[in-house]
PDB file of N, CA and C in Angstrom:
ATOM      1  N   MET A   1      36.426   6.416 -16.769  1.00  0.00           N
ATOM      2  CA  MET A   1      35.987   6.774 -15.061  1.00  0.00           C
ATOM      3  C   MET A   1      34.337   7.651 -14.593  1.00  0.00           C
ATOM      4  N   LYS A   2      33.438   6.787 -15.599  1.00  0.00           N
ATOM      5  CA  LYS A   2      32.558   6.806 -14.594  1.00  0.00           C
ATOM      6  C   LYS A   2      32.568   5.537 -13.807  1.00  0.00           C
ATOM      7  N   ALA A   3      33.657   4.675 -13.744  1.00  0.00           N
ATOM      8  CA  ALA A   3      34.284   4.030 -12.969  1.00  0.00           C
ATOM      9  C   ALA A   3      34.642   4.572 -11.240  1.00  0.00           C
ATOM     10  N   ASN A   4      35.520   5.360 -11.479  1.00  0.00           N
ATOM     11  CA  ASN A   4      35.616   6.702 -10.535  1.00  0.00           C
ATOM     12  C   ASN A   4      34.688   7.371  -9.632  1.00  0.00           C
ATOM     13  N   LEU A   5      33.686   7.825 -11.015  1.00  0.00           N
ATOM     14  CA  LEU A   5      32.385   8.462 -10.980  1.00  0.00           C
ATOM     15  C   LEU A   5      31.542   8.135  -8.908  1.00  0.00           C
ATOM     16  N   LYS A   6      31.413   6.511  -9.881  1.00  0.00           N
ATOM     17  CA  LYS A   6      29.952   5.659  -9.339  1.00  0.00           C
ATOM     18  C   LYS A   6      31.766   5.333  -7.769  1.00  0.00           C
ATOM     19  N   ASN A   7      32.731   5.674  -7.331  1.00  0.00           N
ATOM     20  CA  ASN A   7      33.678   5.298  -6.326  1.00  0.00           C
ATOM     21  C   ASN A   7      33.613   5.966  -5.285  1.00  0.00           C
ATOM     22  N   LEU A   8      33.594   7.513  -6.032  1.00  0.00           N
ATOM     23  CA  LEU A   8      33.070   8.240  -5.481  1.00  0.00           C
ATOM     24  C   LEU A   8      32.232   9.057  -4.565  1.00  0.00           C
ATOM     25  N   ILE A   9      31.081   8.813  -4.934  1.00  0.00           N
ATOM     26  CA  ILE A   9      29.594   8.256  -4.793  1.00  0.00           C
ATOM     27  C   ILE A   9      29.463   7.409  -3.094  1.00  0.00           C
ATOM     28  N   VAL A  10      30.410   6.280  -3.811  1.00  0.00           N
ATOM     29  CA  VAL A  10      29.901   5.259  -2.587  1.00  0.00           C
ATOM     30  C   VAL A  10      30.372   6.081  -1.265  1.00  0.00           C
ATOM     31  N   ALA A  11      31.350   6.043  -2.089  1.00  0.00           N
ATOM     32  CA  ALA A  11      32.401   6.796  -0.651  1.00  0.00           C
ATOM     33  C   ALA A  11      32.213   7.309   0.272  1.00  0.00           C
ATOM     34  N   ILE A  12      31.459   8.704  -0.738  1.00  0.00           N
ATOM     35  CA  ILE A  12      30.667  10.948   0.279  1.00  0.00           C
ATOM     36  C   ILE A  12      29.642   9.492   1.171  1.00  0.00           C
ATOM     37  N   ALA A  13      28.769   8.580   0.739  1.00  0.00           N
ATOM     38  CA  ALA A  13      27.093   8.212   0.827  1.00  0.00           C
ATOM     39  C   ALA A  13      28.139   6.981   2.072  1.00  0.00           C
ATOM     40  N   THR A  14      28.663   7.207   1.847  1.00  0.00           N
ATOM     41  CA  THR A  14      29.661   6.013   3.070  1.00  0.00           C
ATOM     42  C   THR A  14      29.737   6.507   4.974  1.00  0.00           C
ATOM     43  N   GLY A  15      30.257   7.476   4.298  1.00  0.00           N
ATOM     44  CA  GLY A  15      31.043   9.035   4.679  1.00  0.00           C
ATOM     45  C   GLY A  15      30.132   9.581   5.590  1.00  0.00           C
ATOM     46  N   LEU A  16      29.401   9.614   4.772  1.00  0.00           N
ATOM     47  CA  LEU A  16      28.349  10.594   6.643  1.00  0.00           C
ATOM     48  C   LEU A  16      26.729   9.550   6.955  1.00  0.00           C
ATOM     49  N   VAL A  17      26.934   8.423   5.344  1.00  0.00           N
ATOM     50  CA  VAL A  17      26.515   7.321   7.324  1.00  0.00           C
ATOM     51  C   VAL A  17      26.894   7.600   7.967  1.00  0.00           C
ATOM     52  N   ILE A  18      28.359   6.854   8.647  1.00  0.00           N
ATOM     53  CA  ILE A  18      29.897   6.984   9.555  1.00  0.00           C
ATOM     54  C   ILE A  18      29.658   7.801  10.703  1.00  0.00           C
ATOM     55  N   ILE A  19      29.633   9.249   9.871  1.00  0.00           N
ATOM     56  CA  ILE A  19      28.685  10.473  10.694  1.00  0.00           C
ATOM     57  C   ILE A  19      27.854  10.792  11.272  1.00  0.00           C
ATOM     58  N   GLY A  20      27.369  10.242  10.094  1.00  0.00           N
ATOM     59  CA  GLY A  20      25.372  10.244  10.709  1.00  0.00           C
ATOM     60  C   GLY A  20      24.924   9.317  12.230  1.00  0.00           C
ATOM     61  N   ALA A  21      26.317   8.047  11.717  1.00  0.00           N
ATOM     62  CA  ALA A  21      25.994   6.776  13.566  1.00  0.00           C
ATOM     63  C   ALA A  21      26.612   7.404  14.479  1.00  0.00           C
ATOM     64  N   ALA A  22      27.363   7.906  14.054  1.00  0.00           N
ATOM     65  CA  ALA A  22      28.486   8.956  15.612  1.00  0.00           C
ATOM     66  C   ALA A  22      27.445   9.800  16.320  1.00  0.00           C
ATOM     67  N   ALA A  23      27.042  10.923  15.076  1.00  0.00           N
ATOM     68  CA  ALA A  23      26.205  11.761  16.550  1.00  0.00           C
ATOM     69  C   ALA A  23      25.328  11.076  17.035  1.00  0.00           C
ATOM     70  N   PHE A  24      24.134  10.139  16.052  1.00  0.00           N
ATOM     71  CA  PHE A  24      23.457   9.643  17.548  1.00  0.00           C
ATOM     72  C   PHE A  24      23.339   8.948  18.300  1.00  0.00           C
ATOM     73  N   SER A  25      25.042   7.700  17.936  1.00  0.00           N
ATOM     74  CA  SER A  25      24.906   6.713  19.721  1.00  0.00           C
ATOM     75  C   SER A  25      25.759   7.818  20.542  1.00  0.00           C
ATOM     76  N   ILE A  26      26.527   8.546  20.084  1.00  0.00           N
ATOM     77  CA  ILE A  26      26.717   9.884  21.268  1.00  0.00           C
ATOM     78  C   ILE A  26      25.770  10.500  22.332  1.00  0.00           C
ATOM     79  N   SER A  27      24.411  10.951  21.597  1.00  0.00           N
ATOM     80  CA  SER A  27      23.118  11.215  21.381  1.00  0.00           C
ATOM     81  C   SER A  27      22.732  10.744  23.307  1.00  0.00           C
ATOM     82  N   PRO A  28      21.927   9.465  23.112  1.00  0.00           N
ATOM     83  CA  PRO A  28      21.544   8.332  23.843  1.00  0.00           C
ATOM     84  C   PRO A  28      22.985   8.502  24.494  1.00  0.00           C
ATOM     85  N   ALA A  29      24.523   8.129  25.364  1.00  0.00           N
ATOM     86  CA  ALA A  29      24.974   8.112  26.051  1.00  0.00           C
ATOM     87  C   ALA A  29      24.169   8.981  28.161  1.00  0.00           C
ATOM     88  N   MET A  30      22.840  10.239  27.337  1.00  0.00           N
ATOM     89  CA  MET A  30      23.337  10.792  28.539  1.00  0.00           C
ATOM     90  C   MET A  30      21.965  10.598  28.869  1.00  0.00           C
ATOM     91  N   ALA A  31      20.187   9.490  28.453  1.00  0.00           N
ATOM     92  CA  ALA A  31      19.768   8.877  29.159  1.00  0.00           C
ATOM     93  C   ALA A  31      19.815   8.128  29.852  1.00  0.00           C
ATOM     94  N   HIS A  32      20.624   8.050  31.110  1.00  0.00           N
ATOM     95  CA  HIS A  32      20.361   7.504  32.274  1.00  0.00           C
ATOM     96  C   HIS A  32      21.005   8.168  33.062  1.00  0.00           C
ATOM     97  N   GLY A  33      20.236   8.717  34.443  1.00  0.00           N
ATOM     98  CA  GLY A  33      20.612   8.692  35.473  1.00  0.00           C
ATOM     99  C   GLY A  33      20.459  10.697  35.515  1.00  0.00           C
ATOM    100  N   GLN A  34      21.325  10.894  35.353  1.00  0.00           N
ATOM    101  CA  GLN A  34      21.608  12.428  35.629  1.00  0.00           C
ATOM    102  C   GLN A  34      22.856  12.146  34.114  1.00  0.00           C
ATOM    103  N   ASP A  35      22.362  13.637  33.149  1.00  0.00           N
ATOM    104  CA  ASP A  35      23.571  13.140  32.294  1.00  0.00           C
ATOM    105  C   ASP A  35      24.771  14.528  32.759  1.00  0.00           C
ATOM    106  N   SER A  36      25.919  14.819  31.265  1.00  0.00           N
ATOM    107  CA  SER A  36      26.813  15.182  31.534  1.00  0.00           C
ATOM    108  C   SER A  36      26.608  17.440  32.359  1.00  0.00           C
ATOM    109  N   ILE A  37      25.646  17.375  31.757  1.00  0.00           N
ATOM    110  CA  ILE A  37      25.131  18.827  32.076  1.00  0.00           C
ATOM    111  C   ILE A  37      23.964  19.249  33.134  1.00  0.00           C
ATOM    112  N   GLY A  38      23.604  18.000  34.599  1.00  0.00           N
ATOM    113  CA  GLY A  38      22.963  18.331  35.721  1.00  0.00           C
ATOM    114  C   GLY A  38      21.802  17.941  35.185  1.00  0.00           C
ATOM    115  N   TYR A  39      21.083  17.805  33.623  1.00  0.00           N
ATOM    116  CA  TYR A  39      19.927  17.239  34.114  1.00  0.00           C
ATOM    117  C   TYR A  39      19.333  16.391  34.609  1.00  0.00           C
ATOM    118  N   ASP A  40      18.293  15.771  35.472  1.00  0.00           N
ATOM    119  CA  ASP A  40      17.714  14.553  35.567  1.00  0.00           C
ATOM    120  C   ASP A  40      17.333  13.811  34.333  1.00  0.00           C
ATOM    121  N   VAL A  41      17.470  13.152  34.526  1.00  0.00           N
ATOM    122  CA  VAL A  41      16.701  13.312  32.608  1.00  0.00           C
ATOM    123  C   VAL A  41      15.505  11.316  33.405  1.00  0.00           C
ATOM    124  N   GLY A  42      15.376  10.442  32.738  1.00  0.00           N
ATOM    125  CA  GLY A  42      14.451   9.361  32.995  1.00  0.00           C
ATOM    126  C   GLY A  42      13.490   9.131  33.792  1.00  0.00           C
ATOM    127  N   VAL A  43      12.871  11.105  34.053  1.00  0.00           N
ATOM    128  CA  VAL A  43      11.993  11.475  35.289  1.00  0.00           C
ATOM    129  C   VAL A  43      10.152  11.617  34.515  1.00  0.00           C
ATOM    130  N   ALA A  44       9.689  12.405  35.247  1.00  0.00           N
ATOM    131  CA  ALA A  44       8.796  12.314  35.405  1.00  0.00           C
ATOM    132  C   ALA A  44       8.941  14.275  35.659  1.00  0.00           C
ATOM    133  N   GLY A  45       8.078  14.115  34.534  1.00  0.00           N
ATOM    134  CA  GLY A  45       7.843  16.163  34.522  1.00  0.00           C
ATOM    135  C   GLY A  45       6.617  16.429  33.998  1.00  0.00           C
ATOM    136  N   GLN A  46       6.411  18.375  34.774  1.00  0.00           N
ATOM    137  CA  GLN A  46       5.745  19.238  34.492  1.00  0.00           C
ATOM    138  C   GLN A  46       5.188  19.834  32.558  1.00  0.00           C
ATOM    139  N   VAL A  47       4.468  20.440  32.215  1.00  0.00           N
ATOM    140  CA  VAL A  47       4.693  21.158  31.251  1.00  0.00           C
ATOM    141  C   VAL A  47       4.600  22.078  32.788  1.00  0.00           C
ATOM    142  N   VAL A  48       4.913  23.287  32.004  1.00  0.00           N
ATOM    143  CA  VAL A  48       4.325  24.744  33.672  1.00  0.00           C
ATOM    144  C   VAL A  48       4.871  26.066  31.757  1.00  0.00           C
ATOM    145  N   ASN A  49       4.815  27.363  32.236  1.00  0.00           N
ATOM    146  CA  ASN A  49       5.012  28.415  32.208  1.00  0.00           C
ATOM    147  C   ASN A  49       4.797  28.660  30.886  1.00  0.00           C
ATOM    148  N   VAL A  50       3.675  27.722  30.219  1.00  0.00           N
ATOM    149  CA  VAL A  50       2.065  28.543  29.528  1.00  0.00           C
ATOM    150  C   VAL A  50       1.261  28.421  29.848  1.00  0.00           C
ATOM    151  N   ALA A  51       0.586  29.585  29.132  1.00  0.00           N
ATOM    152  CA  ALA A  51      -1.072  30.178  29.297  1.00  0.00           C
ATOM    153  C   ALA A  51      -1.993  29.150  29.910  1.00  0.00           C
ATOM    154  N   TYR A  52      -2.802  29.512  29.725  1.00  0.00           N
ATOM    155  CA  TYR A  52      -4.034  28.171  30.377  1.00  0.00           C
ATOM    156  C   TYR A  52      -4.622  27.696  29.136  1.00  0.00           C
ATOM    157  N   TRP A  53      -4.877  28.747  27.698  1.00  0.00           N
ATOM    158  CA  TRP A  53      -4.926  28.994  27.016  1.00  0.00           C
ATOM    159  C   TRP A  53      -4.140  28.600  26.267  1.00  0.00           C
ATOM    160  N   ASP A  54      -3.281  27.599  25.684  1.00  0.00           N
ATOM    161  CA  ASP A  54      -1.836  28.038  24.886  1.00  0.00           C
ATOM    162  C   ASP A  54      -2.348  26.353  25.420  1.00  0.00           C
ATOM    163  N   LYS A  55      -0.777  26.278  24.506  1.00  0.00           N
ATOM    164  CA  LYS A  55      -0.170  24.651  24.023  1.00  0.00           C
ATOM    165  C   LYS A  55       1.138  25.121  23.777  1.00  0.00           C
ATOM    166  N   LEU A  56       1.886  23.820  24.189  1.00  0.00           N
ATOM    167  CA  LEU A  56       2.860  23.589  24.778  1.00  0.00           C
ATOM    168  C   LEU A  56       3.769  22.957  22.960  1.00  0.00           C
ATOM    169  N   ASN A  57       4.258  23.685  21.799  1.00  0.00           N
ATOM    170  CA  ASN A  57       4.444  22.343  20.748  1.00  0.00           C
ATOM    171  C   ASN A  57       5.242  21.387  21.220  1.00  0.00           C
ATOM    172  N   VAL A  58       5.543  20.521  20.233  1.00  0.00           N
ATOM    173  CA  VAL A  58       6.156  19.031  20.549  1.00  0.00           C
ATOM    174  C   VAL A  58       7.188  19.294  19.443  1.00  0.00           C
ATOM    175  N   ARG A  59       8.174  19.381  19.289  1.00  0.00           N
ATOM    176  CA  ARG A  59       8.987  19.466  17.568  1.00  0.00           C
ATOM    177  C   ARG A  59       9.232  17.795  17.066  1.00  0.00           C
ATOM    178  N   LYS A  60       9.987  18.136  16.028  1.00  0.00           N
ATOM    179  CA  LYS A  60      10.647  16.526  15.496  1.00  0.00           C
ATOM    180  C   LYS A  60      11.621  16.943  16.143  1.00  0.00           C
ATOM    181  N   TRP A  61      12.751  17.965  16.116  1.00  0.00           N
ATOM    182  CA  TRP A  61      13.793  18.551  16.509  1.00  0.00           C
ATOM    183  C   TRP A  61      13.635  19.051  17.808  1.00  0.00           C
ATOM    184  N   PRO A  62      15.080  19.235  18.850  1.00  0.00           N
ATOM    185  CA  PRO A  62      15.639  20.764  18.757  1.00  0.00           C
ATOM    186  C   PRO A  62      15.572  21.916  18.351  1.00  0.00           C
ATOM    187  N   ALA A  63      14.510  22.683  18.064  1.00  0.00           N
ATOM    188  CA  ALA A  63      14.902  23.402  17.670  1.00  0.00           C
ATOM    189  C   ALA A  63      13.648  24.171  17.296  1.00  0.00           C
ATOM    190  N   SER A  64      13.463  25.485  17.519  1.00  0.00           N
ATOM    191  CA  SER A  64      12.124  25.773  17.137  1.00  0.00           C
ATOM    192  C   SER A  64      11.771  26.343  15.833  1.00  0.00           C
ATOM    193  N   TYR A  65      12.056  26.213  15.056  1.00  0.00           N
ATOM    194  CA  TYR A  65      11.659  26.036  13.247  1.00  0.00           C
ATOM    195  C   TYR A  65      11.491  24.960  13.054  1.00  0.00           C
ATOM    196  N   SER A  66      12.069  23.464  13.761  1.00  0.00           N
ATOM    197  CA  SER A  66      11.353  22.340  13.339  1.00  0.00           C
ATOM    198  C   SER A  66       9.858  21.439  13.348  1.00  0.00           C
ATOM    199  N   GLN A  67      10.013  20.636  12.239  1.00  0.00           N
ATOM    200  CA  GLN A  67       8.634  20.725  12.476  1.00  0.00           C
ATOM    201  C   GLN A  67       8.324  19.937  13.220  1.00  0.00           C
ATOM    202  N   LYS A  68       6.418  20.589  13.626  1.00  0.00           N
ATOM    203  CA  LYS A  68       5.611  20.719  14.441  1.00  0.00           C
ATOM    204  C   LYS A  68       5.285  18.915  14.992  1.00  0.00           C
ATOM    205  N   ILE A  69       5.181  18.479  15.973  1.00  0.00           N
ATOM    206  CA  ILE A  69       3.749  16.784  15.679  1.00  0.00           C
ATOM    207  C   ILE A  69       3.455  16.365  16.667  1.00  0.00           C
ATOM    208  N   GLY A  70       3.808  18.015  17.418  1.00  0.00           N
ATOM    209  CA  GLY A  70       2.273  17.333  18.392  1.00  0.00           C
ATOM    210  C   GLY A  70       2.114  19.783  19.931  1.00  0.00           C
ATOM    211  N   GLU A  71       1.182  18.954  20.280  1.00  0.00           N
ATOM    212  CA  GLU A  71       1.082  19.706  21.382  1.00  0.00           C
ATOM    213  C   GLU A  71       0.419  19.597  22.813  1.00  0.00           C
ATOM    214  N   PHE A  72       1.056  19.678  23.287  1.00  0.00           N
ATOM    215  CA  PHE A  72       1.107  19.963  25.351  1.00  0.00           C
ATOM    216  C   PHE A  72       0.258  20.683  25.203  1.00  0.00           C
ATOM    217  N   ALA A  73      -1.131  20.586  26.577  1.00  0.00           N
ATOM    218  CA  ALA A  73      -1.313  21.754  27.581  1.00  0.00           C
ATOM    219  C   ALA A  73      -1.122  21.503  28.706  1.00  0.00           C
ATOM    220  N   PRO A  74      -1.275  22.774  29.462  1.00  0.00           N
ATOM    221  CA  PRO A  74      -0.259  22.944  30.289  1.00  0.00           C
ATOM    222  C   PRO A  74      -0.498  22.680  31.928  1.00  0.00           C
ATOM    223  N   ASP A  75      -0.489  21.933  32.264  1.00  0.00           N
ATOM    224  CA  ASP A  75      -0.483  21.384  34.007  1.00  0.00           C
ATOM    225  C   ASP A  75       0.054  19.972  33.036  1.00  0.00           C
ATOM    226  N   THR A  76       0.435  19.922  31.801  1.00  0.00           N
ATOM    227  CA  THR A  76       0.656  18.056  31.333  1.00  0.00           C
ATOM    228  C   THR A  76       1.955  17.457  32.312  1.00  0.00           C
ATOM    229  N   ILE A  77       1.202  16.144  32.389  1.00  0.00           N
ATOM    230  CA  ILE A  77       2.174  15.465  32.786  1.00  0.00           C
ATOM    231  C   ILE A  77       2.518  14.653  31.934  1.00  0.00           C
ATOM    232  N   VAL A  78       4.565  14.269  31.724  1.00  0.00           N
ATOM    233  CA  VAL A  78       5.264  13.772  30.634  1.00  0.00           C
ATOM    234  C   VAL A  78       6.259  13.408  31.029  1.00  0.00           C
ATOM    235  N   TYR A  79       7.075  12.460  30.879  1.00  0.00           N
ATOM    236  CA  TYR A  79       7.872  11.405  31.127  1.00  0.00           C
ATOM    237  C   TYR A  79       9.103  12.389  30.000  1.00  0.00           C
ATOM    238  N   ILE A  80      10.556  13.361  30.958  1.00  0.00           N
ATOM    239  CA  ILE A  80      11.646  13.810  30.274  1.00  0.00           C
ATOM    240  C   ILE A  80      12.394  12.063  30.400  1.00  0.00           C
ATOM    241  N   GLU A  81      12.589  12.566  28.766  1.00  0.00           N
ATOM    242  CA  GLU A  81      13.949  11.043  28.903  1.00  0.00           C
ATOM    243  C   GLU A  81      15.030  11.666  28.570  1.00  0.00           C
ATOM    244  N   ARG A  82      15.803  12.263  27.939  1.00  0.00           N
ATOM    245  CA  ARG A  82      16.645  12.672  28.233  1.00  0.00           C
ATOM    246  C   ARG A  82      16.345  14.761  27.471  1.00  0.00           C
ATOM    247  N   CYS A  83      17.388  15.564  27.985  1.00  0.00           N
ATOM    248  CA  CYS A  83      17.638  16.655  27.523  1.00  0.00           C
ATOM    249  C   CYS A  83      19.200  17.514  27.535  1.00  0.00           C
ATOM    250  N   ILE A  84      19.078  17.792  26.536  1.00  0.00           N
ATOM    251  CA  ILE A  84      20.659  18.630  25.906  1.00  0.00           C
ATOM    252  C   ILE A  84      20.770  20.366  25.788  1.00  0.00           C
ATOM    253  N   LYS A  85      21.730  20.871  25.961  1.00  0.00           N
ATOM    254  CA  LYS A  85      22.604  21.976  26.141  1.00  0.00           C
ATOM    255  C   LYS A  85      23.094  22.350  25.071  1.00  0.00           C
ATOM    256  N   ARG A  86      23.344  23.158  24.679  1.00  0.00           N
ATOM    257  CA  ARG A  86      24.267  23.714  23.648  1.00  0.00           C
ATOM    258  C   ARG A  86      24.968  25.056  23.848  1.00  0.00           C
ATOM    259  N   PRO A  87      25.753  25.968  23.751  1.00  0.00           N
ATOM    260  CA  PRO A  87      26.369  26.931  24.158  1.00  0.00           C
ATOM    261  C   PRO A  87      25.206  27.991  22.878  1.00  0.00           C
ATOM    262  N   HIS A  88      24.925  29.074  24.322  1.00  0.00           N
ATOM    263  CA  HIS A  88      24.580  30.199  24.212  1.00  0.00           C
ATOM    264  C   HIS A  88      23.274  29.038  22.939  1.00  0.00           C
ATOM    265  N   VAL A  89      22.707  28.301  23.252  1.00  0.00           N
ATOM    266  CA  VAL A  89      21.177  28.377  22.538  1.00  0.00           C
ATOM    267  C   VAL A  89      20.468  27.837  23.813  1.00  0.00           C
ATOM    268  N   SER A  90      18.833  27.710  23.394  1.00  0.00           N
ATOM    269  CA  SER A  90      18.489  26.893  24.344  1.00  0.00           C
ATOM    270  C   SER A  90      18.270  25.864  24.992  1.00  0.00           C
ATOM    271  N   ASP A  91      17.951  25.138  26.071  1.00  0.00           N
ATOM    272  CA  ASP A  91      17.957  24.155  26.068  1.00  0.00           C
ATOM    273  C   ASP A  91      17.113  22.921  25.761  1.00  0.00           C
ATOM    274  N   TRP A  92      16.779  21.937  24.968  1.00  0.00           N
ATOM    275  CA  TRP A  92      16.026  21.358  25.165  1.00  0.00           C
ATOM    276  C   TRP A  92      15.804  19.306  25.653  1.00  0.00           C
ATOM    277  N   CYS A  93      14.502  18.802  26.135  1.00  0.00           N
ATOM    278  CA  CYS A  93      14.229  18.149  26.351  1.00  0.00           C
ATOM    279  C   CYS A  93      14.147  17.396  25.390  1.00  0.00           C
ATOM    280  N   LYS A  94      14.267  15.902  25.217  1.00  0.00           N
ATOM    281  CA  LYS A  94      13.223  15.035  24.479  1.00  0.00           C
ATOM    282  C   LYS A  94      12.092  14.486  25.527  1.00  0.00           C
ATOM    283  N   VAL A  95      10.217  14.498  25.790  1.00  0.00           N
ATOM    284  CA  VAL A  95       9.696  14.024  26.072  1.00  0.00           C
ATOM    285  C   VAL A  95       8.059  13.528  25.441  1.00  0.00           C
ATOM    286  N   GLY A  96       7.619  13.010  26.291  1.00  0.00           N
ATOM    287  CA  GLY A  96       7.271  11.491  25.432  1.00  0.00           C
ATOM    288  C   GLY A  96       5.316  11.895  26.578  1.00  0.00           C
ATOM    289  N   ARG A  97       4.515  11.198  25.850  1.00  0.00           N
ATOM    290  CA  ARG A  97       3.550  11.211  26.932  1.00  0.00           C
ATOM    291  C   ARG A  97       2.815  10.149  25.534  1.00  0.00           C
ATOM    292  N   ASP A  98       2.369   9.894  25.892  1.00  0.00           N
ATOM    293  CA  ASP A  98       0.564   8.987  24.404  1.00  0.00           C
ATOM    294  C   ASP A  98       1.404   9.075  23.929  1.00  0.00           C
ATOM    295  N   ASN A  99       1.240   9.669  22.777  1.00  0.00           N
ATOM    296  CA  ASN A  99       1.924   9.452  21.321  1.00  0.00           C
ATOM    297  C   ASN A  99       2.111  10.164  20.655  1.00  0.00           C
ATOM    298  N   VAL A 100       1.842  11.521  21.558  1.00  0.00           N
ATOM    299  CA  VAL A 100       3.302  12.269  21.507  1.00  0.00           C
ATOM    300  C   VAL A 100       3.964  11.907  21.921  1.00  0.00           C
ATOM    301  N   TYR A 101       5.578  11.636  21.291  1.00  0.00           N
ATOM    302  CA  TYR A 101       6.652  11.927  21.797  1.00  0.00           C
ATOM    303  C   TYR A 101       8.037  12.891  20.275  1.00  0.00           C
ATOM    304  N   GLY A 102       8.099  14.063  21.626  1.00  0.00           N
ATOM    305  CA  GLY A 102       9.732  14.981  20.715  1.00  0.00           C
ATOM    306  C   GLY A 102      10.437  15.625  21.230  1.00  0.00           C
ATOM    307  N   TRP A 103      10.765  16.769  20.964  1.00  0.00           N
ATOM    308  CA  TRP A 103      11.127  18.004  21.810  1.00  0.00           C
ATOM    309  C   TRP A 103      11.010  19.436  22.144  1.00  0.00           C
ATOM    310  N   VAL A 104      11.021  18.967  22.753  1.00  0.00           N
ATOM    311  CA  VAL A 104      10.360  20.851  23.528  1.00  0.00           C
ATOM    312  C   VAL A 104      11.484  21.951  24.389  1.00  0.00           C
ATOM    313  N   ASN A 105      11.161  22.984  25.093  1.00  0.00           N
ATOM    314  CA  ASN A 105      12.410  23.617  25.222  1.00  0.00           C
ATOM    315  C   ASN A 105      12.095  23.656  26.494  1.00  0.00           C
ATOM    316  N   SER A 106      13.337  23.189  26.984  1.00  0.00           N
ATOM    317  CA  SER A 106      13.270  22.986  28.288  1.00  0.00           C
ATOM    318  C   SER A 106      12.979  24.078  29.665  1.00  0.00           C
ATOM    319  N   ARG A 107      12.832  25.293  29.152  1.00  0.00           N
ATOM    320  CA  ARG A 107      11.527  25.949  29.800  1.00  0.00           C
ATOM    321  C   ARG A 107      10.897  25.786  29.896  1.00  0.00           C
ATOM    322  N   TYR A 108      10.090  26.082  29.647  1.00  0.00           N
ATOM    323  CA  TYR A 108       8.687  25.114  29.620  1.00  0.00           C
ATOM    324  C   TYR A 108       8.409  23.369  30.666  1.00  0.00           C
ATOM    325  N   LEU A 109       9.286  23.498  30.929  1.00  0.00           N
ATOM    326  CA  LEU A 109       9.321  22.516  32.135  1.00  0.00           C
ATOM    327  C   LEU A 109      10.024  21.563  32.991  1.00  0.00           C
ATOM    328  N   ALA A 110       8.965  21.135  34.709  1.00  0.00           N
ATOM    329  CA  ALA A 110       9.206  21.447  36.584  1.00  0.00           C
ATOM    330  C   ALA A 110       9.636  19.443  35.810  1.00  0.00           C
ATOM    331  N   ILE A 111      10.617  19.593  36.185  1.00  0.00           N
ATOM    332  CA  ILE A 111      10.843  18.220  37.377  1.00  0.00           C
ATOM    333  C   ILE A 111       9.754  17.973  37.886  1.00  0.00           C
ATOM    334  N   ILE A 112       8.802  16.815  38.518  1.00  0.00           N
ATOM    335  CA  ILE A 112       7.882  16.375  39.134  1.00  0.00           C
ATOM    336  C   ILE A 112       8.778  16.007  40.786  1.00  0.00           C
ATOM    337  N   GLY A 113       8.131  16.779  41.746  1.00  0.00           N
ATOM    338  CA  GLY A 113       8.884  16.787  43.893  1.00  0.00           C
ATOM    339  C   GLY A 113       9.585  17.792  43.094  1.00  0.00           C
ATOM    340  N   GLN A 114      10.297  18.702  43.021  1.00  0.00           N
ATOM    341  CA  GLN A 114      11.868  19.492  42.236  1.00  0.00           C
ATOM    342  C   GLN A 114      10.493  21.021  42.825  1.00  0.00           C
ATOM    343  N   ASN A 115      11.574  22.380  43.024  1.00  0.00           N
ATOM    344  CA  ASN A 115      10.705  23.395  43.055  1.00  0.00           C
ATOM    345  C   ASN A 115      11.328  24.164  42.259  1.00  0.00           C
TER     346      ASN A 115
END
C-alpha cells in the first residue's frame, strides 16, 4: 500500500512540474517584436497616468493582489519586455529598470515615440 501511495505522489508531482514548465514556456514566445495581441515589446516605455506625488507599484506577478516588489515614479523610463492580455481582465506588462523588474498594469505605460 505504501508503494502505491509513493507512486501516486511522484506521478502528481511530475505532472505539476510538466504543466508548470509548459505554461512558463508559452509566455516568453511573445517577447520578440510584436506579440499576438499587437503590443510592441522589447522597447522603451515611460510611466504615465500616475500623479506627480504617487508611485506605480511593480508586482511579482501580473495581478493587482500580487506581492509588491518595487515602485516607479511618474515619467520613469523602463524597458518593456513583454505584455499579456486576458479577456475581461486588465492587461499587464513585464518591465524593468535598474534592480526593479516585475509586472505593471499596462494603462500606466506609454511606448516612447508613440502618441
